[in-house]
Amino acid sequence: GHRTDVVVTLGAQGGDVQTGGSSFLGVELRQLDRHESEALGLRPGDGLAVTAVDPRGPASGVIEEGDVFLELDGHPVTLARLKQVEAKLARGARATLIIQRGQARFALKL
């Protein structure tokens, strides 16, 4: 129930950020299925579930297995959108990721 600002530095601790289609900031992701998306009030196919977190990756200690990525800069997040934004982040751009953990939602500034 409280706000926490966290800064994540791309490339720290884990080397280069790689998406490989399903990884971002050392976090393994999978697309939510239609039922999971709808249960969260999202369109079918929107939203990404965190399936694993590299303990040496830049998101370690911030993002947890079971978290769900809901939005990226006010738009529904998909693997394709995340990959598009990744290149901009590597050049120093900023983005805000909305994450759901259990019943709580929080914003992570990238």
N, C-alpha and C. Protein backbone atom coordinates (compact mmCIF):
# COMPACT_ATOMS: atom_id res chain seq x y z
N GLY A 1 0.79 -1.19 0.00
CA GLY A 1 0.00 0.00 0.00
C GLY A 1 0.84 1.26 0.00
N HIS A 2 2.14 1.18 -0.25
CA HIS A 2 2.95 2.39 -0.29
C HIS A 2 3.71 2.45 -1.61
N ARG A 3 4.12 3.64 -1.98
CA ARG A 3 4.82 3.85 -3.24
C ARG A 3 6.31 3.70 -3.02
N THR A 4 6.96 3.01 -3.95
CA THR A 4 8.40 2.84 -3.91
C THR A 4 8.95 3.12 -5.29
N ASP A 5 9.89 4.03 -5.38
CA ASP A 5 10.55 4.30 -6.65
C ASP A 5 11.81 3.45 -6.72
N VAL A 6 11.99 2.77 -7.85
CA VAL A 6 13.14 1.92 -8.06
C VAL A 6 13.72 2.26 -9.42
N VAL A 7 15.02 2.41 -9.49
CA VAL A 7 15.70 2.65 -10.76
C VAL A 7 16.39 1.37 -11.17
N VAL A 8 16.12 0.91 -12.39
CA VAL A 8 16.76 -0.28 -12.93
C VAL A 8 17.70 0.17 -14.03
N THR A 9 18.97 -0.21 -13.93
CA THR A 9 19.96 0.16 -14.93
C THR A 9 20.16 -1.00 -15.89
N LEU A 10 19.89 -0.75 -17.16
CA LEU A 10 20.05 -1.80 -18.16
C LEU A 10 21.52 -2.19 -18.26
N GLY A 11 21.76 -3.48 -18.29
CA GLY A 11 23.11 -3.99 -18.45
C GLY A 11 23.87 -4.18 -17.15
N ALA A 12 23.39 -3.66 -16.05
CA ALA A 12 24.09 -3.82 -14.79
C ALA A 12 24.02 -5.27 -14.33
N GLN A 13 25.09 -5.78 -13.82
CA GLN A 13 25.22 -7.10 -13.23
C GLN A 13 25.04 -8.22 -14.23
N GLY A 14 24.11 -8.14 -15.15
CA GLY A 14 23.84 -9.25 -16.04
C GLY A 14 24.38 -9.09 -17.43
N GLY A 15 25.15 -8.05 -17.70
CA GLY A 15 25.65 -7.82 -19.04
C GLY A 15 24.58 -7.22 -19.91
N ASP A 16 24.65 -7.49 -21.22
CA ASP A 16 23.68 -6.94 -22.15
C ASP A 16 22.31 -7.51 -21.89
N VAL A 17 21.30 -6.66 -22.10
CA VAL A 17 19.92 -7.10 -21.99
C VAL A 17 19.57 -7.88 -23.23
N GLN A 18 18.92 -9.00 -23.04
CA GLN A 18 18.52 -9.82 -24.17
C GLN A 18 17.05 -10.13 -24.06
N THR A 19 16.35 -10.05 -25.20
CA THR A 19 14.95 -10.44 -25.14
C THR A 19 14.78 -11.85 -25.62
N GLY A 20 15.52 -12.29 -26.64
CA GLY A 20 15.43 -13.66 -27.10
C GLY A 20 14.01 -14.12 -27.29
N GLY A 21 13.08 -13.18 -27.46
CA GLY A 21 11.69 -13.52 -27.64
C GLY A 21 10.94 -13.65 -26.34
N SER A 22 11.61 -13.96 -25.23
CA SER A 22 10.87 -14.16 -23.99
C SER A 22 11.65 -13.75 -22.74
N SER A 23 12.70 -12.96 -22.89
CA SER A 23 13.49 -12.55 -21.75
C SER A 23 13.75 -11.05 -21.82
N PHE A 24 13.71 -10.39 -20.66
CA PHE A 24 13.91 -8.95 -20.60
C PHE A 24 14.47 -8.62 -19.22
N LEU A 25 15.60 -7.91 -19.14
CA LEU A 25 16.22 -7.54 -17.87
C LEU A 25 16.53 -8.75 -17.01
N GLY A 26 16.83 -9.89 -17.62
CA GLY A 26 17.10 -11.10 -16.86
C GLY A 26 15.85 -11.76 -16.33
N VAL A 27 14.70 -11.41 -16.90
CA VAL A 27 13.41 -11.96 -16.48
C VAL A 27 12.84 -12.78 -17.62
N GLU A 28 12.48 -14.03 -17.34
CA GLU A 28 11.83 -14.87 -18.34
C GLU A 28 10.33 -14.60 -18.31
N LEU A 29 9.75 -14.45 -19.50
CA LEU A 29 8.35 -14.07 -19.61
C LEU A 29 7.60 -15.01 -20.53
N ARG A 30 6.29 -15.08 -20.31
CA ARG A 30 5.41 -15.77 -21.24
C ARG A 30 4.15 -14.94 -21.41
N GLN A 31 3.60 -15.01 -22.60
CA GLN A 31 2.36 -14.29 -22.90
C GLN A 31 1.23 -14.91 -22.08
N LEU A 32 0.36 -14.07 -21.50
CA LEU A 32 -0.80 -14.60 -20.79
C LEU A 32 -1.75 -15.23 -21.79
N ASP A 33 -2.45 -16.28 -21.38
CA ASP A 33 -3.47 -16.83 -22.26
C ASP A 33 -4.72 -15.95 -22.16
N ARG A 34 -5.68 -16.23 -23.01
CA ARG A 34 -6.88 -15.39 -23.11
C ARG A 34 -7.60 -15.28 -21.76
N HIS A 35 -7.73 -16.37 -21.05
CA HIS A 35 -8.45 -16.37 -19.77
C HIS A 35 -7.70 -15.56 -18.71
N GLU A 36 -6.40 -15.71 -18.67
CA GLU A 36 -5.60 -14.94 -17.71
C GLU A 36 -5.70 -13.45 -17.99
N SER A 37 -5.61 -13.07 -19.26
CA SER A 37 -5.71 -11.65 -19.64
C SER A 37 -7.07 -11.08 -19.24
N GLU A 38 -8.13 -11.79 -19.58
CA GLU A 38 -9.48 -11.30 -19.28
C GLU A 38 -9.72 -11.19 -17.77
N ALA A 39 -9.15 -12.11 -16.99
CA ALA A 39 -9.32 -12.05 -15.54
C ALA A 39 -8.69 -10.80 -14.94
N LEU A 40 -7.71 -10.25 -15.63
CA LEU A 40 -7.05 -9.02 -15.17
C LEU A 40 -7.63 -7.77 -15.83
N GLY A 41 -8.68 -7.96 -16.63
CA GLY A 41 -9.30 -6.82 -17.29
C GLY A 41 -8.56 -6.37 -18.54
N LEU A 42 -7.74 -7.25 -19.10
CA LEU A 42 -6.96 -6.93 -20.29
C LEU A 42 -7.59 -7.57 -21.52
N ARG A 43 -7.20 -7.08 -22.68
CA ARG A 43 -7.64 -7.72 -23.92
C ARG A 43 -6.93 -9.07 -24.04
N PRO A 44 -7.58 -10.02 -24.72
CA PRO A 44 -6.92 -11.32 -24.93
C PRO A 44 -5.55 -11.14 -25.57
N GLY A 45 -4.55 -11.81 -25.02
CA GLY A 45 -3.19 -11.74 -25.55
C GLY A 45 -2.34 -10.64 -24.95
N ASP A 46 -2.94 -9.74 -24.19
CA ASP A 46 -2.16 -8.69 -23.54
C ASP A 46 -1.71 -9.19 -22.17
N GLY A 47 -0.56 -8.70 -21.73
CA GLY A 47 -0.03 -9.06 -20.42
C GLY A 47 1.01 -10.16 -20.52
N LEU A 48 2.02 -10.06 -19.66
CA LEU A 48 3.10 -11.03 -19.65
C LEU A 48 3.31 -11.53 -18.22
N ALA A 49 3.43 -12.84 -18.07
CA ALA A 49 3.68 -13.45 -16.77
C ALA A 49 5.17 -13.68 -16.60
N VAL A 50 5.70 -13.35 -15.43
CA VAL A 50 7.10 -13.61 -15.10
C VAL A 50 7.21 -15.05 -14.64
N THR A 51 8.00 -15.84 -15.37
CA THR A 51 8.15 -17.25 -15.04
C THR A 51 9.46 -17.55 -14.30
N ALA A 52 10.45 -16.66 -14.42
CA ALA A 52 11.72 -16.85 -13.71
C ALA A 52 12.48 -15.53 -13.70
N VAL A 53 13.31 -15.35 -12.69
CA VAL A 53 14.14 -14.14 -12.58
C VAL A 53 15.57 -14.58 -12.33
N ASP A 54 16.50 -14.09 -13.17
CA ASP A 54 17.92 -14.38 -13.00
C ASP A 54 18.40 -13.68 -11.73
N PRO A 55 18.89 -14.42 -10.73
CA PRO A 55 19.31 -13.79 -9.48
C PRO A 55 20.48 -12.83 -9.64
N ARG A 56 21.19 -12.89 -10.79
CA ARG A 56 22.29 -11.95 -11.05
C ARG A 56 21.89 -10.88 -12.04
N GLY A 57 20.66 -10.92 -12.52
CA GLY A 57 20.20 -9.95 -13.52
C GLY A 57 19.83 -8.61 -12.90
N PRO A 58 19.67 -7.60 -13.73
CA PRO A 58 19.38 -6.25 -13.24
C PRO A 58 18.03 -6.11 -12.56
N ALA A 59 17.10 -7.03 -12.78
CA ALA A 59 15.78 -6.93 -12.17
C ALA A 59 15.67 -7.75 -10.88
N SER A 60 16.74 -8.46 -10.53
CA SER A 60 16.73 -9.27 -9.33
C SER A 60 16.47 -8.40 -8.10
N GLY A 61 15.58 -8.86 -7.24
CA GLY A 61 15.25 -8.10 -6.04
C GLY A 61 14.16 -7.09 -6.26
N VAL A 62 13.76 -6.89 -7.50
CA VAL A 62 12.70 -5.93 -7.83
C VAL A 62 11.50 -6.66 -8.40
N ILE A 63 11.74 -7.48 -9.41
CA ILE A 63 10.68 -8.25 -10.06
C ILE A 63 10.76 -9.67 -9.53
N GLU A 64 9.60 -10.27 -9.30
CA GLU A 64 9.54 -11.62 -8.73
C GLU A 64 8.79 -12.56 -9.65
N GLU A 65 9.13 -13.84 -9.57
CA GLU A 65 8.38 -14.86 -10.30
C GLU A 65 6.91 -14.76 -9.87
N GLY A 66 6.01 -14.80 -10.83
CA GLY A 66 4.59 -14.67 -10.54
C GLY A 66 4.06 -13.28 -10.80
N ASP A 67 4.93 -12.28 -10.89
CA ASP A 67 4.48 -10.93 -11.25
C ASP A 67 3.90 -10.96 -12.65
N VAL A 68 3.03 -10.00 -12.95
CA VAL A 68 2.45 -9.88 -14.28
C VAL A 68 2.69 -8.46 -14.79
N PHE A 69 3.30 -8.35 -15.97
CA PHE A 69 3.49 -7.05 -16.61
C PHE A 69 2.18 -6.71 -17.31
N LEU A 70 1.59 -5.57 -16.93
CA LEU A 70 0.29 -5.17 -17.47
C LEU A 70 0.39 -4.12 -18.57
N GLU A 71 1.15 -3.06 -18.30
CA GLU A 71 1.24 -1.94 -19.22
C GLU A 71 2.67 -1.45 -19.33
N LEU A 72 2.98 -0.90 -20.50
CA LEU A 72 4.27 -0.27 -20.73
C LEU A 72 3.99 1.09 -21.34
N ASP A 73 4.30 2.15 -20.61
CA ASP A 73 4.03 3.53 -21.03
C ASP A 73 2.57 3.73 -21.43
N GLY A 74 1.67 3.18 -20.63
CA GLY A 74 0.24 3.41 -20.85
C GLY A 74 -0.39 2.55 -21.91
N HIS A 75 0.37 1.62 -22.49
CA HIS A 75 -0.15 0.72 -23.52
C HIS A 75 -0.06 -0.71 -23.01
N PRO A 76 -0.99 -1.56 -23.43
CA PRO A 76 -0.89 -2.97 -23.03
C PRO A 76 0.46 -3.55 -23.45
N VAL A 77 1.04 -4.37 -22.61
CA VAL A 77 2.35 -4.93 -22.90
C VAL A 77 2.21 -6.32 -23.52
N THR A 78 2.96 -6.51 -24.58
CA THR A 78 3.09 -7.79 -25.25
C THR A 78 4.58 -8.03 -25.46
N LEU A 79 4.94 -9.26 -25.83
CA LEU A 79 6.36 -9.53 -26.10
C LEU A 79 6.87 -8.65 -27.23
N ALA A 80 6.06 -8.44 -28.28
CA ALA A 80 6.48 -7.62 -29.41
C ALA A 80 6.71 -6.18 -28.98
N ARG A 81 5.81 -5.63 -28.18
CA ARG A 81 5.95 -4.23 -27.72
C ARG A 81 7.18 -4.09 -26.81
N LEU A 82 7.40 -5.05 -25.94
CA LEU A 82 8.54 -5.01 -25.05
C LEU A 82 9.84 -4.99 -25.85
N LYS A 83 9.90 -5.79 -26.90
CA LYS A 83 11.10 -5.84 -27.73
C LYS A 83 11.32 -4.50 -28.46
N GLN A 84 10.23 -3.86 -28.90
CA GLN A 84 10.35 -2.56 -29.56
C GLN A 84 10.91 -1.50 -28.60
N VAL A 85 10.44 -1.52 -27.38
CA VAL A 85 10.86 -0.52 -26.39
C VAL A 85 12.27 -0.79 -25.89
N GLU A 86 12.69 -2.04 -25.93
CA GLU A 86 14.02 -2.41 -25.43
C GLU A 86 15.13 -1.59 -26.09
N ALA A 87 15.06 -1.45 -27.40
CA ALA A 87 16.10 -0.70 -28.12
C ALA A 87 16.14 0.75 -27.67
N LYS A 88 14.99 1.34 -27.43
CA LYS A 88 14.93 2.73 -26.96
C LYS A 88 15.52 2.86 -25.56
N LEU A 89 15.24 1.88 -24.71
CA LEU A 89 15.78 1.90 -23.35
C LEU A 89 17.29 1.81 -23.36
N ALA A 90 17.82 1.00 -24.25
CA ALA A 90 19.28 0.84 -24.34
C ALA A 90 19.95 2.14 -24.76
N ARG A 91 19.23 3.01 -25.45
CA ARG A 91 19.78 4.31 -25.87
C ARG A 91 19.52 5.40 -24.84
N GLY A 92 18.99 5.02 -23.68
CA GLY A 92 18.81 6.00 -22.61
C GLY A 92 17.41 6.52 -22.43
N ALA A 93 16.46 6.05 -23.22
CA ALA A 93 15.07 6.47 -23.06
C ALA A 93 14.53 5.93 -21.74
N ARG A 94 13.45 6.49 -21.30
CA ARG A 94 12.79 6.05 -20.07
C ARG A 94 11.44 5.43 -20.42
N ALA A 95 10.97 4.55 -19.57
CA ALA A 95 9.66 3.93 -19.75
C ALA A 95 9.12 3.57 -18.38
N THR A 96 7.81 3.42 -18.30
CA THR A 96 7.17 3.02 -17.05
C THR A 96 6.42 1.73 -17.29
N LEU A 97 6.70 0.75 -16.47
CA LEU A 97 6.09 -0.57 -16.56
C LEU A 97 5.15 -0.75 -15.37
N ILE A 98 3.90 -1.09 -15.64
CA ILE A 98 2.93 -1.37 -14.58
C ILE A 98 2.93 -2.87 -14.34
N ILE A 99 3.13 -3.25 -13.08
CA ILE A 99 3.26 -4.66 -12.70
C ILE A 99 2.21 -4.98 -11.65
N GLN A 100 1.63 -6.17 -11.77
CA GLN A 100 0.71 -6.65 -10.74
C GLN A 100 1.39 -7.78 -9.99
N ARG A 101 1.34 -7.66 -8.66
CA ARG A 101 1.88 -8.71 -7.77
C ARG A 101 0.77 -9.04 -6.79
N GLY A 102 0.17 -10.20 -6.96
CA GLY A 102 -0.98 -10.55 -6.14
C GLY A 102 -2.11 -9.57 -6.43
N GLN A 103 -2.60 -8.92 -5.40
CA GLN A 103 -3.69 -7.94 -5.58
C GLN A 103 -3.17 -6.51 -5.74
N ALA A 104 -1.87 -6.32 -5.60
CA ALA A 104 -1.27 -4.98 -5.66
C ALA A 104 -0.71 -4.70 -7.04
N ARG A 105 -0.78 -3.44 -7.44
CA ARG A 105 -0.17 -2.98 -8.69
C ARG A 105 0.83 -1.89 -8.35
N PHE A 106 1.96 -1.87 -9.08
CA PHE A 106 2.93 -0.80 -8.86
C PHE A 106 3.60 -0.45 -10.19
N ALA A 107 4.20 0.73 -10.22
CA ALA A 107 4.88 1.22 -11.41
C ALA A 107 6.38 1.08 -11.21
N LEU A 108 7.05 0.59 -12.24
CA LEU A 108 8.50 0.46 -12.22
C LEU A 108 9.04 1.34 -13.33
N LYS A 109 9.84 2.33 -12.96
CA LYS A 109 10.44 3.22 -13.95
C LYS A 109 11.72 2.60 -14.46
N LEU A 110 11.79 2.42 -15.77
CA LEU A 110 12.96 1.82 -16.40
C LEU A 110 13.82 2.91 -17.00
